[in-house]
Structure formats: C-alpha cells, structure tokens
C-alpha cells in the first residue's frame, strides 16, 4: 500500500514493489515474476515396462561403478534376464550425454540403466 511519503509532488501515487520480492530466492521470484519468456517443452512419453526384456548398462566413470555394474549384470543373467554384453561408457559424469549416444538410446526397446549414484 502507498503511504503519504509514496506520493510525488503532483499527488499521484508511486507504486513500490513488495518488499518480499526483492528478498526471495531465485526459484520463487521466477515463479512470481518471470522476466525471461521460455518456450514450453513438448510432452515426453514414459514407459513403465520396457518393450523388450533386455537391460543395457551405461557407466559414467564413477569410482568402482563398472565393477558394481558387472555384479548387477551377473545377478540379472542368473535370474534369466537378457543383459547387453558390453557396458557402454560415457566419457565424464559431469558432462551431458553426447547427442549421438542419446539418439542411439532413444530407439532402445529395453531398459537402460545409467550410471552409479546419478
């Protein structure tokens, strides 16, 4: 609300932004006042059950992750689940998956398990 000190010399009210806006966090301010228009992404389709009963592992170079994935492969094979023979490797856990690798997984009918602790 405007107080008498919020009026200019002509008598018009000057609107002062709410004090809560200036001290809010990044996310809450963005939700209240979004200064950057962003396109709305298209809907994604999520399958709860893979089309093909096969598992592919993708290692992200975390310590001991390849060993753990190898143990998981053995357990799945013992249970009769088809597992891809090779464990695929992403160069670095701190970087995005290369577009070509992501595209190769987009057509995968089975389950892709990505990384340890990711």
C-alpha atoms as a PDB file:
ATOM      1  CA  UNK A   1       0.000   0.000   0.000  1.00  0.00           C
ATOM      2  CA  UNK A   2       1.109   3.537  -0.641  1.00  0.00           C
ATOM      3  CA  UNK A   3       1.786   5.823   2.284  1.00  0.00           C
ATOM      4  CA  UNK A   4       1.789   9.647   2.151  1.00  0.00           C
ATOM      5  CA  UNK A   5       5.558   9.576   1.576  1.00  0.00           C
ATOM      6  CA  UNK A   6       4.944   7.458  -1.532  1.00  0.00           C
ATOM      7  CA  UNK A   7       3.248  10.365  -3.332  1.00  0.00           C
ATOM      8  CA  UNK A   8       5.104  12.621  -5.720  1.00  0.00           C
ATOM      9  CA  UNK A   9       4.673  16.396  -5.697  1.00  0.00           C
ATOM     10  CA  UNK A  10       1.661  16.281  -8.056  1.00  0.00           C
ATOM     11  CA  UNK A  11      -0.231  13.931  -5.753  1.00  0.00           C
ATOM     12  CA  UNK A  12      -0.018  10.759  -7.866  1.00  0.00           C
ATOM     13  CA  UNK A  13       0.754   7.507  -6.084  1.00  0.00           C
ATOM     14  CA  UNK A  14       4.073   5.835  -6.829  1.00  0.00           C
ATOM     15  CA  UNK A  15       3.880   2.045  -6.817  1.00  0.00           C
ATOM     16  CA  UNK A  16       6.656   0.438  -4.802  1.00  0.00           C
ATOM     17  CA  UNK A  17       7.253  -3.294  -5.389  1.00  0.00           C
ATOM     18  CA  UNK A  18       6.506  -5.597  -2.497  1.00  0.00           C
ATOM     19  CA  UNK A  19       9.494  -5.919  -0.208  1.00  0.00           C
ATOM     20  CA  UNK A  20       9.161  -9.741  -0.315  1.00  0.00           C
ATOM     21  CA  UNK A  21      10.006  -9.759  -3.998  1.00  0.00           C
ATOM     22  CA  UNK A  22      13.458  -8.288  -3.503  1.00  0.00           C
ATOM     23  CA  UNK A  23      14.483 -10.831  -0.862  1.00  0.00           C
ATOM     24  CA  UNK A  24      13.008 -14.007  -2.288  1.00  0.00           C
ATOM     25  CA  UNK A  25      15.076 -16.876  -3.696  1.00  0.00           C
ATOM     26  CA  UNK A  26      15.759 -17.444  -7.387  1.00  0.00           C
ATOM     27  CA  UNK A  27      13.053 -20.049  -7.898  1.00  0.00           C
ATOM     28  CA  UNK A  28      10.270 -18.284  -6.003  1.00  0.00           C
ATOM     29  CA  UNK A  29      10.973 -14.946  -7.716  1.00  0.00           C
ATOM     30  CA  UNK A  30      10.997 -16.620 -11.076  1.00  0.00           C
ATOM     31  CA  UNK A  31       7.621 -18.133 -10.310  1.00  0.00           C
ATOM     32  CA  UNK A  32       6.191 -14.793  -9.205  1.00  0.00           C
ATOM     33  CA  UNK A  33       7.688 -12.619 -11.928  1.00  0.00           C
ATOM     34  CA  UNK A  34       9.299 -14.390 -14.881  1.00  0.00           C
ATOM     35  CA  UNK A  35      11.370 -11.783 -16.746  1.00  0.00           C
ATOM     36  CA  UNK A  36      12.537 -14.307 -19.336  1.00  0.00           C
ATOM     37  CA  UNK A  37       9.902 -15.875 -21.565  1.00  0.00           C
ATOM     38  CA  UNK A  38      10.690 -19.541 -22.056  1.00  0.00           C
ATOM     39  CA  UNK A  39       9.183 -21.919 -24.593  1.00  0.00           C
ATOM     40  CA  UNK A  40       7.051 -24.692 -23.170  1.00  0.00           C
ATOM     41  CA  UNK A  41       8.698 -28.063 -23.894  1.00  0.00           C
ATOM     42  CA  UNK A  42       6.668 -30.755 -25.567  1.00  0.00           C
ATOM     43  CA  UNK A  43       5.281 -33.672 -23.605  1.00  0.00           C
ATOM     44  CA  UNK A  44       7.508 -36.689 -23.053  1.00  0.00           C
ATOM     45  CA  UNK A  45       6.337 -40.275 -23.114  1.00  0.00           C
ATOM     46  CA  UNK A  46       7.364 -42.521 -20.250  1.00  0.00           C
ATOM     47  CA  UNK A  47       7.034 -46.294 -20.421  1.00  0.00           C
ATOM     48  CA  UNK A  48       6.792 -48.148 -17.148  1.00  0.00           C
ATOM     49  CA  UNK A  49       7.537 -51.511 -18.735  1.00  0.00           C
ATOM     50  CA  UNK A  50      10.144 -51.886 -21.499  1.00  0.00           C
ATOM     51  CA  UNK A  51       9.042 -53.280 -24.862  1.00  0.00           C
ATOM     52  CA  UNK A  52      11.932 -55.771 -24.839  1.00  0.00           C
ATOM     53  CA  UNK A  53      13.059 -57.622 -21.669  1.00  0.00           C
ATOM     54  CA  UNK A  54      16.700 -56.557 -22.016  1.00  0.00           C
ATOM     55  CA  UNK A  55      18.960 -54.362 -19.883  1.00  0.00           C
ATOM     56  CA  UNK A  56      21.770 -52.123 -21.141  1.00  0.00           C
ATOM     57  CA  UNK A  57      24.222 -50.539 -18.688  1.00  0.00           C
ATOM     58  CA  UNK A  58      25.860 -47.130 -19.158  1.00  0.00           C
ATOM     59  CA  UNK A  59      28.865 -46.320 -16.961  1.00  0.00           C
ATOM     60  CA  UNK A  60      29.679 -42.698 -16.045  1.00  0.00           C
ATOM     61  CA  UNK A  61      33.243 -43.299 -14.793  1.00  0.00           C
ATOM     62  CA  UNK A  62      32.396 -43.098 -11.098  1.00  0.00           C
ATOM     63  CA  UNK A  63      34.751 -44.938  -8.734  1.00  0.00           C
ATOM     64  CA  UNK A  64      34.040 -48.704  -8.818  1.00  0.00           C
ATOM     65  CA  UNK A  65      30.899 -48.180 -10.908  1.00  0.00           C
ATOM     66  CA  UNK A  66      31.949 -50.586 -13.646  1.00  0.00           C
ATOM     67  CA  UNK A  67      32.637 -53.310 -11.069  1.00  0.00           C
ATOM     68  CA  UNK A  68      29.211 -52.775  -9.458  1.00  0.00           C
ATOM     69  CA  UNK A  69      27.524 -52.878 -12.866  1.00  0.00           C
ATOM     70  CA  UNK A  70      29.357 -56.106 -13.667  1.00  0.00           C
ATOM     71  CA  UNK A  71      27.972 -57.665 -10.469  1.00  0.00           C
ATOM     72  CA  UNK A  72      24.480 -56.425 -11.394  1.00  0.00           C
ATOM     73  CA  UNK A  73      24.832 -57.943 -14.881  1.00  0.00           C
ATOM     74  CA  UNK A  74      25.731 -61.323 -13.348  1.00  0.00           C
ATOM     75  CA  UNK A  75      22.739 -61.233 -10.965  1.00  0.00           C
ATOM     76  CA  UNK A  76      20.334 -60.341 -13.780  1.00  0.00           C
ATOM     77  CA  UNK A  77      21.709 -63.115 -16.003  1.00  0.00           C
ATOM     78  CA  UNK A  78      21.265 -65.625 -13.139  1.00  0.00           C
ATOM     79  CA  UNK A  79      17.614 -64.523 -12.957  1.00  0.00           C
ATOM     80  CA  UNK A  80      17.139 -65.160 -16.672  1.00  0.00           C
ATOM     81  CA  UNK A  81      17.067 -61.545 -17.828  1.00  0.00           C
ATOM     82  CA  UNK A  82      18.829 -60.694 -21.073  1.00  0.00           C
ATOM     83  CA  UNK A  83      21.671 -58.240 -20.483  1.00  0.00           C
ATOM     84  CA  UNK A  84      23.748 -56.454 -23.111  1.00  0.00           C
ATOM     85  CA  UNK A  85      27.253 -57.980 -23.033  1.00  0.00           C
ATOM     86  CA  UNK A  86      29.171 -54.691 -23.075  1.00  0.00           C
ATOM     87  CA  UNK A  87      28.858 -51.915 -20.516  1.00  0.00           C
ATOM     88  CA  UNK A  88      28.724 -48.695 -22.506  1.00  0.00           C
ATOM     89  CA  UNK A  89      30.825 -45.809 -21.211  1.00  0.00           C
ATOM     90  CA  UNK A  90      30.091 -42.091 -21.096  1.00  0.00           C
ATOM     91  CA  UNK A  91      33.304 -40.064 -21.033  1.00  0.00           C
ATOM     92  CA  UNK A  92      32.604 -37.999 -17.939  1.00  0.00           C
ATOM     93  CA  UNK A  93      29.892 -37.941 -15.267  1.00  0.00           C
ATOM     94  CA  UNK A  94      29.960 -34.137 -15.098  1.00  0.00           C
ATOM     95  CA  UNK A  95      29.053 -33.580 -18.749  1.00  0.00           C
ATOM     96  CA  UNK A  96      25.887 -34.200 -20.707  1.00  0.00           C
ATOM     97  CA  UNK A  97      25.482 -37.337 -22.731  1.00  0.00           C
ATOM     98  CA  UNK A  98      26.665 -36.791 -26.332  1.00  0.00           C
ATOM     99  CA  UNK A  99      23.781 -36.301 -28.760  1.00  0.00           C
ATOM    100  CA  UNK A 100      24.747 -39.358 -30.832  1.00  0.00           C
ATOM    101  CA  UNK A 101      24.713 -41.608 -27.749  1.00  0.00           C
ATOM    102  CA  UNK A 102      21.384 -40.172 -26.602  1.00  0.00           C
ATOM    103  CA  UNK A 103      19.885 -40.791 -30.044  1.00  0.00           C
ATOM    104  CA  UNK A 104      21.127 -44.380 -30.010  1.00  0.00           C
ATOM    105  CA  UNK A 105      19.292 -44.952 -26.715  1.00  0.00           C
ATOM    106  CA  UNK A 106      16.095 -43.319 -27.954  1.00  0.00           C
ATOM    107  CA  UNK A 107      15.371 -46.349 -30.136  1.00  0.00           C
ATOM    108  CA  UNK A 108      16.290 -48.859 -27.430  1.00  0.00           C
ATOM    109  CA  UNK A 109      13.372 -51.149 -26.635  1.00  0.00           C
ATOM    110  CA  UNK A 110      14.802 -52.385 -23.346  1.00  0.00           C
ATOM    111  CA  UNK A 111      15.762 -50.768 -20.078  1.00  0.00           C
ATOM    112  CA  UNK A 112      18.864 -48.533 -19.962  1.00  0.00           C
ATOM    113  CA  UNK A 113      20.486 -48.179 -16.535  1.00  0.00           C
ATOM    114  CA  UNK A 114      22.581 -45.023 -16.459  1.00  0.00           C
ATOM    115  CA  UNK A 115      25.425 -44.705 -14.021  1.00  0.00           C
ATOM    116  CA  UNK A 116      26.010 -45.318 -10.340  1.00  0.00           C
ATOM    117  CA  UNK A 117      24.972 -42.517  -7.953  1.00  0.00           C
ATOM    118  CA  UNK A 118      23.460 -40.493 -10.810  1.00  0.00           C
END
